[in-house]
Structure formats: structure tokens, C-alpha cells
């Protein structure tokens, strides 16, 4: 309940231009044929993705709230829409896309159980091509170890002018790697984090 309240408050806060510029500026658009935004919310970042993307870039938006998702569908008719980031691989399959070149995540990872955190990272890792870019801007520092299981953590940019101040993680997927027991990641089945 507290996590839902925090998410609702966050969605009403203005999206600082400095945060938008930091995220958009890290996307190698000339290499991006397919991009997914996870947790699109009210579309504060989406409009900047639309403005920056080349015509050939296909965009998949994930938003669980049906009212927000329907509004996004009206505003961005050329994009593809899905309700569940935990079904990212299925969404790609249904869209005829083999792999994504970039994933931008605004999901509130800290409010999820460890099982869900790992499942999300599994979906992200499996859906992104080797060398693809993963950018997360609502990602808690104490979970950086999870990112490092499948990504090279290339940069962490601090954006102090956004409220609340944000860290932007810029990561590149390691080649031929996967998240799970083989990569040294422990199983969290039946366990959760308390926040």
C-alpha cells in the first residue's frame, strides 16, 4: 500500500528537463531499431522518446494502469502497448520482434519483492540483444548487484535538479550471459524484501 502511494505521488511530480536530457542523450539512436519503455506512466518521458527517435525505430510501451495505457494509446498511435513488463518476452514474440536494442525502465524496483526483481531482470536480459542498452532511472543503489549479473554498468549519472534527485544507470548487456543459478545469482523463491 505504501509502495502504491509512493508510485502515485511520483507520477504526479514534474519530469525535470535535466533527467529527460540525461536519458535521451544516452540512447544510441542510430543503432536502435526497437526500443521498449517499461513503466511509461503518464507519458512524461514518452513524448521525448517520440520526438527523438528516428522514423524507423519501433517503440513498445508497457504500462499496467489501464486508464494511463489507453490515454497513451490515443497520444501515440504508432507505438505498441502492453500491460505487463513481466511478459516482455511474450510481447516481443507477439510483435514479431526478435530482440530489443534498448530498454528504458521507469519501474519502481525498490517496491517489488526480490522474486519479482529477479523475474523482471530475467525478462529484460532475455529480451535485449547482446550489446544492447538498458537505462534505469528509478532504480535503488542497493540493487546495483542485480544489474551487474547481466550488464556492464557503464555509467551512473546523478541528476540533482530532478525531484526527487535521481540516479540514472546506463548499462550494456554482456554477451552470452543469462540471469540465474549459472551466473551466480541465488534463488529468491519464497523470499521477499521489506521496504
Protein backbone atom coordinates (compact mmCIF):
# COMPACT_ATOMS: atom_id res chain seq x y z
CA UNK A 1 0.00 0.00 0.00
CA UNK A 2 2.82 2.40 0.87
CA UNK A 3 4.61 1.50 -2.39
CA UNK A 4 1.44 2.24 -4.40
CA UNK A 5 1.07 5.60 -2.64
CA UNK A 6 4.71 6.50 -3.40
CA UNK A 7 4.24 5.47 -7.05
CA UNK A 8 1.14 7.67 -7.32
CA UNK A 9 2.94 10.66 -5.83
CA UNK A 10 5.96 10.13 -8.10
CA UNK A 11 3.72 10.03 -11.19
CA UNK A 12 2.33 13.48 -10.33
CA UNK A 13 5.75 15.13 -9.95
CA UNK A 14 7.13 17.13 -12.90
CA UNK A 15 9.76 15.40 -15.01
CA UNK A 16 12.84 17.62 -14.93
CA UNK A 17 14.37 18.55 -18.27
CA UNK A 18 17.77 17.56 -16.89
CA UNK A 19 16.55 14.00 -16.29
CA UNK A 20 14.95 13.78 -19.73
CA UNK A 21 18.10 15.09 -21.41
CA UNK A 22 20.26 12.62 -19.50
CA UNK A 23 18.16 9.64 -20.54
CA UNK A 24 17.57 10.65 -24.17
CA UNK A 25 21.23 11.59 -24.59
CA UNK A 26 22.40 8.08 -23.64
CA UNK A 27 20.40 6.29 -26.35
CA UNK A 28 22.47 5.48 -29.49
CA UNK A 29 19.56 6.16 -31.82
CA UNK A 30 21.46 5.18 -34.99
CA UNK A 31 21.71 1.63 -33.57
CA UNK A 32 18.15 1.38 -32.24
CA UNK A 33 15.54 -0.36 -34.37
CA UNK A 34 13.35 -1.45 -31.45
CA UNK A 35 13.00 0.16 -28.01
CA UNK A 36 10.80 -0.57 -25.00
CA UNK A 37 9.79 1.82 -22.24
CA UNK A 38 8.83 -0.04 -19.07
CA UNK A 39 6.52 1.81 -16.70
CA UNK A 40 5.51 4.56 -19.13
CA UNK A 41 3.11 6.06 -16.59
CA UNK A 42 1.56 9.31 -17.78
CA UNK A 43 3.97 9.60 -20.70
CA UNK A 44 6.27 12.28 -19.33
CA UNK A 45 9.31 10.59 -20.89
CA UNK A 46 7.38 9.02 -23.78
CA UNK A 47 6.81 12.33 -25.55
CA UNK A 48 10.56 12.96 -25.58
CA UNK A 49 11.26 9.47 -26.88
CA UNK A 50 8.81 10.12 -29.71
CA UNK A 51 10.47 13.43 -30.56
CA UNK A 52 14.00 11.98 -30.53
CA UNK A 53 13.51 8.62 -32.23
CA UNK A 54 14.20 8.07 -35.94
CA UNK A 55 11.23 7.13 -38.10
CA UNK A 56 12.37 3.51 -38.38
CA UNK A 57 12.54 2.89 -34.62
CA UNK A 58 9.70 0.76 -33.28
CA UNK A 59 8.59 1.58 -29.72
CA UNK A 60 6.86 -0.73 -27.26
CA UNK A 61 5.23 0.87 -24.21
CA UNK A 62 4.48 -1.07 -21.03
CA UNK A 63 2.04 0.37 -18.51
CA UNK A 64 -0.08 -1.68 -16.09
CA UNK A 65 -2.65 1.04 -15.33
CA UNK A 66 -5.39 0.61 -17.99
CA UNK A 67 -6.52 4.26 -17.88
CA UNK A 68 -2.98 5.53 -18.40
CA UNK A 69 -2.35 2.93 -21.07
CA UNK A 70 -5.47 3.91 -23.00
CA UNK A 71 -4.52 7.58 -22.85
CA UNK A 72 -1.03 6.75 -24.11
CA UNK A 73 -2.58 4.73 -26.94
CA UNK A 74 -4.54 7.80 -28.04
CA UNK A 75 -1.50 10.09 -27.86
CA UNK A 76 0.95 7.67 -29.52
CA UNK A 77 -0.99 5.65 -32.10
CA UNK A 78 2.18 4.46 -33.82
CA UNK A 79 3.50 2.67 -30.73
CA UNK A 80 2.72 -0.82 -29.45
CA UNK A 81 1.13 -1.20 -26.00
CA UNK A 82 1.31 -3.90 -23.35
CA UNK A 83 0.16 -4.16 -19.71
CA UNK A 84 2.83 -6.35 -18.11
CA UNK A 85 6.62 -5.90 -18.10
CA UNK A 86 6.93 -9.40 -16.66
CA UNK A 87 5.73 -10.65 -20.06
CA UNK A 88 8.25 -8.69 -22.07
CA UNK A 89 9.49 -11.75 -23.99
CA UNK A 90 5.93 -12.70 -24.94
CA UNK A 91 5.24 -9.15 -26.12
CA UNK A 92 8.26 -9.33 -28.43
CA UNK A 93 7.15 -12.68 -29.79
CA UNK A 94 3.63 -11.40 -30.47
CA UNK A 95 5.07 -8.29 -32.16
CA UNK A 96 7.43 -10.26 -34.41
CA UNK A 97 10.50 -8.67 -32.82
CA UNK A 98 13.46 -10.93 -32.05
CA UNK A 99 15.37 -8.64 -29.70
CA UNK A 100 15.30 -5.07 -28.43
CA UNK A 101 18.20 -2.68 -28.94
CA UNK A 102 17.34 -0.50 -25.94
CA UNK A 103 15.16 -0.73 -22.84
CA UNK A 104 14.35 2.31 -20.71
CA UNK A 105 12.88 1.50 -17.32
CA UNK A 106 10.93 3.76 -15.02
CA UNK A 107 9.73 0.82 -12.94
CA UNK A 108 9.95 1.30 -9.14
CA UNK A 109 12.21 -1.71 -8.50
CA UNK A 110 12.52 -0.95 -4.79
CA UNK A 111 8.81 -1.57 -4.24
CA UNK A 112 8.94 -5.11 -5.66
CA UNK A 113 9.73 -8.35 -3.89
CA UNK A 114 13.08 -9.94 -4.63
CA UNK A 115 11.37 -12.66 -6.64
CA UNK A 116 9.75 -10.02 -8.86
CA UNK A 117 13.00 -8.05 -9.14
CA UNK A 118 14.82 -11.13 -10.41
CA UNK A 119 11.97 -12.07 -12.77
CA UNK A 120 11.97 -8.56 -14.24
CA UNK A 121 15.71 -8.66 -14.78
CA UNK A 122 15.38 -12.08 -16.41
CA UNK A 123 12.82 -10.68 -18.84
CA UNK A 124 14.93 -7.60 -19.56
CA UNK A 125 18.10 -9.63 -20.10
CA UNK A 126 16.37 -12.19 -22.34
CA UNK A 127 14.70 -9.50 -24.47
CA UNK A 128 17.73 -7.28 -25.06
CA UNK A 129 20.30 -8.12 -27.71
CA UNK A 130 23.93 -8.64 -26.76
CA UNK A 131 25.49 -5.20 -26.52
CA UNK A 132 22.06 -3.58 -26.15
CA UNK A 133 21.49 -0.65 -23.80
CA UNK A 134 19.49 -0.77 -20.57
CA UNK A 135 18.73 2.55 -18.86
CA UNK A 136 17.01 2.67 -15.47
CA UNK A 137 16.11 5.87 -13.64
CA UNK A 138 14.02 4.61 -10.72
CA UNK A 139 16.49 2.03 -9.59
CA UNK A 140 17.75 1.87 -5.99
CA UNK A 141 21.54 1.85 -5.39
CA UNK A 142 21.40 -1.18 -3.09
CA UNK A 143 20.22 -3.31 -6.03
CA UNK A 144 23.19 -2.49 -8.29
CA UNK A 145 24.46 -6.05 -7.70
CA UNK A 146 21.44 -7.36 -9.62
CA UNK A 147 22.25 -5.22 -12.66
CA UNK A 148 25.85 -6.45 -12.65
CA UNK A 149 24.73 -10.07 -13.11
CA UNK A 150 23.96 -9.44 -16.78
CA UNK A 151 25.14 -5.94 -17.60
CA UNK A 152 28.28 -3.90 -17.77
CA UNK A 153 27.39 -0.90 -15.60
CA UNK A 154 28.97 1.75 -17.81
CA UNK A 155 27.86 4.90 -16.02
CA UNK A 156 25.78 6.15 -13.13
CA UNK A 157 24.69 9.73 -13.66
CA UNK A 158 23.39 11.84 -10.79
CA UNK A 159 20.59 14.27 -11.68
CA UNK A 160 20.25 16.64 -8.69
CA UNK A 161 17.77 19.05 -10.29
CA UNK A 162 15.06 16.41 -10.58
CA UNK A 163 12.75 15.90 -7.60
CA UNK A 164 13.46 13.61 -6.00
CA UNK A 165 17.14 13.66 -7.11
CA UNK A 166 17.71 10.71 -9.41
CA UNK A 167 20.41 8.26 -10.36
CA UNK A 168 20.39 7.13 -13.98
CA UNK A 169 22.02 3.76 -14.63
CA UNK A 170 23.42 3.28 -18.12
CA UNK A 171 24.19 -0.38 -18.77
CA UNK A 172 25.22 -2.56 -21.70
CA UNK A 173 24.25 -6.21 -21.91
CA UNK A 174 27.10 -8.66 -21.63
CA UNK A 175 27.46 -11.15 -24.47
CA UNK A 176 26.13 -14.68 -23.98
CA UNK A 177 25.13 -14.17 -20.36
CA UNK A 178 21.98 -15.05 -18.50
CA UNK A 179 20.45 -14.38 -15.15
CA UNK A 180 20.04 -17.39 -12.90
CA UNK A 181 21.97 -20.02 -10.94
CA UNK A 182 24.65 -20.38 -13.63
CA UNK A 183 25.56 -16.72 -13.30
CA UNK A 184 25.95 -16.95 -9.56
CA UNK A 185 22.63 -15.31 -8.76
CA UNK A 186 20.97 -17.01 -5.78
CA UNK A 187 17.40 -18.20 -5.90
CA UNK A 188 14.95 -15.96 -4.05
CA UNK A 189 11.94 -18.22 -4.36
CA UNK A 190 9.68 -17.75 -1.34
CA UNK A 191 11.56 -14.71 -0.03
CA UNK A 192 10.85 -11.01 -0.26
CA UNK A 193 12.36 -7.71 0.76
CA UNK A 194 10.64 -5.43 3.25
CA UNK A 195 10.77 -1.75 2.36
